[in-house]
Amino acid sequence: MTALGHRGVSDPYIHAEKRDPRGRELCELDNMAGKLVILLCGMLLVASSGAEQGNRKPSCGSMEEIVACPMNFAPVCGTDGNTYPNECALCVKRQETKMDILVIKEGSC
């Protein structure tokens, strides 16, 4: 498409559509980039909220003081970065240190 520019001379650049090398309009590319940014932000939000939801309080019960734990091996990973042989051992550590150690996941860290 051409238009009359200065002094009535035909100027093809006045109304030229902006296109990338593949022939797509640039506004289409801007729209795709915007959607991609929104999608990535959403994925990051979901990933970060899911990481904190995994932490849970161990089932220590209402014991004042734990004297002994069972010998069963069911490892749990604590928020302090240590692997405990079972939740009872984690509860003992909570009582000893007076720290709020939570269970990140079942299994070793």
Protein backbone atom coordinates (compact mmCIF):
# COMPACT_ATOMS: atom_id res chain seq x y z
CA MET A 1 0.00 0.00 0.00
CA THR A 2 1.38 3.37 -0.91
CA ALA A 3 0.39 6.84 0.15
CA LEU A 4 1.19 10.29 -1.02
CA GLY A 5 3.89 11.79 1.13
CA HIS A 6 5.64 15.12 0.99
CA ARG A 7 5.05 16.98 -2.31
CA GLY A 8 2.71 14.31 -3.65
CA VAL A 9 5.48 11.74 -4.08
CA SER A 10 4.49 8.14 -3.44
CA ASP A 11 5.97 6.91 -0.14
CA PRO A 12 5.61 3.15 0.57
CA TYR A 13 6.75 3.54 4.22
CA ILE A 14 3.94 5.78 5.50
CA HIS A 15 1.31 3.03 5.83
CA ALA A 16 3.58 0.02 5.63
CA GLU A 17 2.58 -2.79 7.99
CA LYS A 18 5.20 -3.74 10.52
CA ARG A 19 6.22 -7.35 9.97
CA ASP A 20 8.93 -9.64 11.26
CA PRO A 21 11.17 -11.61 8.86
CA ARG A 22 8.61 -14.46 8.72
CA GLY A 23 5.86 -12.09 7.61
CA ARG A 24 3.87 -12.02 10.86
CA GLU A 25 2.61 -8.70 12.09
CA LEU A 26 4.62 -7.36 15.02
CA CYS A 27 1.53 -6.72 17.13
CA GLU A 28 0.83 -10.48 16.94
CA LEU A 29 4.33 -11.11 18.32
CA ASP A 30 3.80 -8.60 21.13
CA ASN A 31 0.52 -10.31 22.01
CA MET A 32 2.21 -13.75 22.09
CA ALA A 33 5.05 -12.41 24.26
CA GLY A 34 2.55 -10.92 26.70
CA LYS A 35 0.67 -14.20 26.99
CA LEU A 36 3.94 -16.04 27.56
CA VAL A 37 4.94 -13.66 30.36
CA ILE A 38 1.55 -14.11 32.05
CA LEU A 39 1.81 -17.89 31.74
CA LEU A 40 5.31 -17.96 33.25
CA CYS A 41 4.24 -15.72 36.15
CA GLY A 42 1.31 -18.02 36.84
CA MET A 43 3.54 -21.09 36.81
CA LEU A 44 5.97 -19.47 39.26
CA LEU A 45 3.12 -18.52 41.56
CA VAL A 46 1.74 -22.06 41.56
CA ALA A 47 5.19 -23.57 42.11
CA SER A 48 6.04 -21.29 45.02
CA SER A 49 2.69 -21.79 46.76
CA GLY A 50 2.91 -25.56 46.33
CA ALA A 51 6.34 -25.68 47.97
CA GLU A 52 5.06 -24.18 51.21
CA GLN A 53 1.90 -26.29 51.34
CA GLY A 54 4.00 -29.47 51.62
CA ASN A 55 5.27 -28.52 55.09
CA ARG A 56 3.16 -30.03 57.84
CA LYS A 57 3.34 -30.46 61.57
CA PRO A 58 4.46 -33.91 62.65
CA SER A 59 1.98 -36.06 64.51
CA CYS A 60 3.57 -35.80 67.94
CA GLY A 61 0.30 -35.97 69.81
CA SER A 62 -0.12 -34.18 73.11
CA MET A 63 2.86 -35.82 74.79
CA GLU A 64 4.59 -33.67 77.38
CA GLU A 65 7.83 -35.57 77.00
CA ILE A 66 8.68 -38.45 74.68
CA VAL A 67 10.65 -41.14 76.48
CA ALA A 68 11.19 -43.62 73.66
CA CYS A 69 10.30 -43.92 69.97
CA PRO A 70 9.32 -47.07 68.08
CA MET A 71 12.02 -48.70 65.96
CA ASN A 72 10.03 -48.54 62.71
CA PHE A 73 11.90 -47.03 59.77
CA ALA A 74 9.70 -44.47 58.02
CA PRO A 75 12.09 -41.59 57.26
CA VAL A 76 10.88 -37.99 57.09
CA CYS A 77 12.67 -34.83 55.98
CA GLY A 78 12.53 -31.94 58.45
CA THR A 79 12.57 -28.23 57.69
CA ASP A 80 15.94 -28.07 59.46
CA GLY A 81 17.43 -30.10 56.59
CA ASN A 82 17.86 -33.31 58.58
CA THR A 83 16.44 -36.73 57.81
CA TYR A 84 14.81 -38.45 60.78
CA PRO A 85 14.17 -42.22 60.99
CA ASN A 86 10.48 -41.52 61.77
CA GLU A 87 8.16 -38.73 62.93
CA CYS A 88 8.67 -39.63 66.56
CA ALA A 89 12.41 -38.93 66.27
CA LEU A 90 11.56 -35.56 64.70
CA CYS A 91 9.22 -34.86 67.65
CA VAL A 92 12.02 -35.65 70.09
CA LYS A 93 14.27 -33.16 68.28
CA ARG A 94 11.50 -30.55 68.43
CA GLN A 95 11.24 -31.01 72.19
CA GLU A 96 15.01 -30.93 72.73
CA THR A 97 15.66 -27.82 70.65
CA LYS A 98 12.32 -26.03 71.24
CA MET A 99 12.30 -25.33 67.47
CA ASP A 100 9.22 -25.60 65.26
CA ILE A 101 10.59 -28.28 62.93
CA LEU A 102 8.03 -29.32 60.32
CA VAL A 103 7.91 -32.29 57.93
CA ILE A 104 8.81 -31.25 54.39
CA LYS A 105 8.24 -34.67 52.84
CA GLU A 106 8.11 -38.37 53.49
CA GLY A 107 11.49 -39.99 52.84
CA SER A 108 15.00 -38.65 53.15
CA CYS A 109 16.00 -35.08 52.38
